[in-house]
Amino acid sequence: MEKLLKPTEVAEWLNLNVQTVYAMAQRNQLPNKKIGHAVRFSPKEIKAYLGLKEF
C-alpha cells in the first residue's frame, strides 16, 4: 500500500506554499483524498496528474 502524503510534504515536494496546496486541493487542481477532516495525497496520482515520470 502506498504512503499518502500530508499537505506539508506535497508543498515541499512541489516547492509550493502549504496554503496553495490546500487551495489547489479544494479546487480539485490536485488529486486528493479526504480522510475524516484530513487531506492526503497519493504521490502516484499527483505524478500522473502533472504528467511526471520521476520527480
Protein backbone atom coordinates (compact mmCIF):
# COMPACT_ATOMS: atom_id res chain seq x y z
CA MET A 1 0.00 0.00 0.00
CA GLU A 2 1.29 3.42 -0.98
CA LYS A 3 2.07 6.01 1.71
CA LEU A 4 -0.20 9.03 1.38
CA LEU A 5 1.44 12.42 1.73
CA LYS A 6 0.42 15.25 4.05
CA PRO A 7 -0.12 18.73 2.56
CA THR A 8 3.17 19.91 4.08
CA GLU A 9 5.03 17.09 2.31
CA VAL A 10 3.37 17.90 -1.02
CA ALA A 11 4.19 21.60 -0.59
CA GLU A 12 7.85 20.78 0.00
CA TRP A 13 7.94 18.27 -2.87
CA LEU A 14 6.37 20.69 -5.39
CA ASN A 15 8.05 23.79 -3.93
CA LEU A 16 4.70 25.42 -3.09
CA ASN A 17 3.24 27.17 -0.07
CA VAL A 18 1.13 24.86 2.13
CA GLN A 19 -1.89 27.16 1.75
CA THR A 20 -1.51 26.89 -2.04
CA VAL A 21 -1.63 23.09 -1.78
CA TYR A 22 -4.82 23.28 0.31
CA ALA A 23 -6.39 25.75 -2.16
CA MET A 24 -5.45 23.57 -5.15
CA ALA A 25 -6.93 20.51 -3.43
CA GLN A 26 -10.14 22.38 -2.66
CA ARG A 27 -10.44 23.46 -6.33
CA ASN A 28 -9.61 19.89 -7.48
CA GLN A 29 -6.41 21.11 -9.13
CA LEU A 30 -4.50 18.36 -7.31
CA PRO A 31 -5.90 14.86 -6.81
CA ASN A 32 -6.54 14.30 -3.12
CA LYS A 33 -8.31 12.08 -0.64
CA LYS A 34 -10.29 13.16 2.41
CA ILE A 35 -9.76 11.02 5.48
CA GLY A 36 -12.08 12.45 8.10
CA HIS A 37 -11.13 16.13 8.18
CA ALA A 38 -7.61 15.45 6.90
CA VAL A 39 -6.50 15.87 3.30
CA ARG A 40 -3.96 13.39 1.95
CA PHE A 41 -2.30 12.98 -1.44
CA SER A 42 -1.18 9.97 -3.44
CA PRO A 43 2.29 10.56 -4.96
CA LYS A 44 1.40 8.28 -7.88
CA GLU A 45 -1.81 10.24 -8.64
CA ILE A 46 -0.03 13.59 -8.41
CA LYS A 47 2.73 12.43 -10.76
CA ALA A 48 0.15 11.15 -13.25
CA TYR A 49 -1.93 14.34 -12.98
CA LEU A 50 1.12 16.55 -13.55
CA GLY A 51 2.45 14.26 -16.30
CA LEU A 52 5.63 13.40 -14.40
CA LYS A 53 7.54 10.17 -14.70
CA GLU A 54 10.10 10.93 -12.00
CA PHE A 55 10.41 13.88 -9.68
